[in-house]
Amino acid sequence: MEAVLAIVMGILFASAIFLMLRPSLIRFALGLILLTNASNLFIFAAGRLTLAVPPLIPPGEQMIAGNFANPVSEALILTAIVIGFGLLSFTLAYIYRAHKAHEEPPT
């Protein structure tokens, strides 16, 4: 499974860089979307893929017995999704204002 995720991440990163280097602002925004998704997938894969139980402590116990999923990578992904959405919103607002200032379609 890790090999498949590595290939998908490589394709997403390469596509994002390719789109962001084009002279079109719309393609830049699409590349930014792909880049944030590839980064989220990288964080997910770095947190070790496991079929373990969620990291919840049962009532009356002090620790979790056995293997459990890594909660840090899941929290980082949620934070990265919010940051990526904010960055995309800022980029789209910037493209819109640039279009209004120059009165020509964004290329």
Protein backbone atom coordinates (compact mmCIF):
# COMPACT_ATOMS: atom_id res chain seq x y z
CA MET A 1 0.00 0.00 0.00
CA GLU A 2 2.87 2.37 0.75
CA ALA A 3 4.27 1.86 -2.75
CA VAL A 4 0.95 2.81 -4.33
CA LEU A 5 0.73 5.93 -2.15
CA ALA A 6 4.31 6.87 -3.06
CA ILE A 7 3.49 6.63 -6.78
CA VAL A 8 0.29 8.65 -6.35
CA MET A 9 2.15 11.30 -4.32
CA GLY A 10 4.85 11.55 -6.97
CA ILE A 11 2.27 11.99 -9.72
CA LEU A 12 0.40 14.63 -7.70
CA PHE A 13 3.57 16.58 -6.85
CA ALA A 14 4.81 16.45 -10.46
CA SER A 15 1.43 17.53 -11.82
CA ALA A 16 1.21 20.35 -9.28
CA ILE A 17 4.66 21.71 -10.13
CA PHE A 18 3.91 21.42 -13.85
CA LEU A 19 0.65 23.36 -13.50
CA MET A 20 2.16 26.00 -11.22
CA LEU A 21 4.96 26.74 -13.70
CA ARG A 22 2.51 27.49 -16.53
CA PRO A 23 1.83 31.19 -17.25
CA SER A 24 -1.90 30.82 -16.47
CA LEU A 25 -3.25 31.96 -13.11
CA ILE A 26 -6.09 29.45 -13.25
CA ARG A 27 -3.62 26.62 -13.80
CA PHE A 28 -1.58 27.99 -10.91
CA ALA A 29 -4.63 27.70 -8.64
CA LEU A 30 -5.29 24.14 -9.84
CA GLY A 31 -1.64 23.27 -9.20
CA LEU A 32 -1.96 24.72 -5.71
CA ILE A 33 -4.94 22.45 -5.04
CA LEU A 34 -2.98 19.42 -6.20
CA LEU A 35 0.03 20.46 -4.12
CA THR A 36 -1.99 20.73 -0.91
CA ASN A 37 -3.64 17.36 -1.56
CA ALA A 38 -0.26 15.74 -2.23
CA SER A 39 1.12 17.24 0.99
CA ASN A 40 -1.84 15.88 2.96
CA LEU A 41 -1.30 12.45 1.44
CA PHE A 42 2.39 12.65 2.36
CA ILE A 43 1.57 13.44 6.00
CA PHE A 44 -0.95 10.59 6.02
CA ALA A 45 1.60 8.10 4.68
CA ALA A 46 4.30 9.35 7.07
CA GLY A 47 2.05 8.50 10.02
CA ARG A 48 2.34 4.76 9.20
CA LEU A 49 -0.58 3.04 7.56
CA THR A 50 -2.08 0.59 10.02
CA LEU A 51 -5.29 -1.31 10.62
CA ALA A 52 -4.97 -0.73 14.37
CA VAL A 53 -7.65 0.55 16.72
CA PRO A 54 -8.35 4.27 17.18
CA PRO A 55 -6.31 5.99 19.91
CA LEU A 56 -9.07 6.04 22.55
CA ILE A 57 -8.49 4.94 26.15
CA PRO A 58 -11.35 2.75 27.45
CA PRO A 59 -13.06 3.90 30.67
CA GLY A 60 -11.31 2.71 33.80
CA GLU A 61 -7.94 2.01 32.14
CA GLN A 62 -4.69 3.95 32.22
CA MET A 63 -3.33 3.15 28.74
CA ILE A 64 -4.25 1.58 25.44
CA ALA A 65 -3.40 -2.10 25.08
CA GLY A 66 -1.93 -3.23 21.77
CA ASN A 67 -1.37 -1.31 18.57
CA PHE A 68 -3.22 1.92 17.96
CA ALA A 69 -3.32 4.49 15.19
CA ASN A 70 -1.07 7.55 15.37
CA PRO A 71 -3.26 10.56 16.31
CA VAL A 72 -0.56 13.17 15.55
CA SER A 73 -0.60 12.63 11.80
CA GLU A 74 -4.40 12.76 11.75
CA ALA A 75 -4.38 16.09 13.62
CA LEU A 76 -1.71 17.46 11.27
CA ILE A 77 -3.79 16.48 8.23
CA LEU A 78 -6.86 18.27 9.61
CA THR A 79 -4.77 21.38 10.23
CA ALA A 80 -3.21 21.15 6.76
CA ILE A 81 -6.66 20.89 5.14
CA VAL A 82 -7.76 24.11 6.84
CA ILE A 83 -4.52 25.92 5.94
CA GLY A 84 -4.75 24.68 2.33
CA PHE A 85 -8.33 25.93 2.04
CA GLY A 86 -7.34 29.34 3.41
CA LEU A 87 -4.40 29.55 1.02
CA LEU A 88 -6.62 28.60 -1.91
CA SER A 89 -9.21 31.21 -0.91
CA PHE A 90 -6.52 33.88 -0.72
CA THR A 91 -5.14 32.84 -4.13
CA LEU A 92 -8.57 32.97 -5.77
CA ALA A 93 -9.26 36.40 -4.23
CA TYR A 94 -5.88 37.60 -5.50
CA ILE A 95 -6.63 36.31 -9.01
CA TYR A 96 -10.03 38.03 -8.94
CA ARG A 97 -8.54 41.36 -7.82
CA ALA A 98 -5.81 41.13 -10.47
CA HIS A 99 -8.49 40.52 -13.09
CA LYS A 100 -10.50 43.54 -11.90
CA ALA A 101 -7.43 45.80 -11.84
CA HIS A 102 -6.26 44.95 -15.35
CA GLU A 103 -9.67 44.39 -17.00
CA GLU A 104 -8.42 41.42 -18.97
CA PRO A 105 -9.03 37.72 -18.48
CA PRO A 106 -6.49 35.94 -16.29
CA THR A 107 -4.22 33.87 -18.47
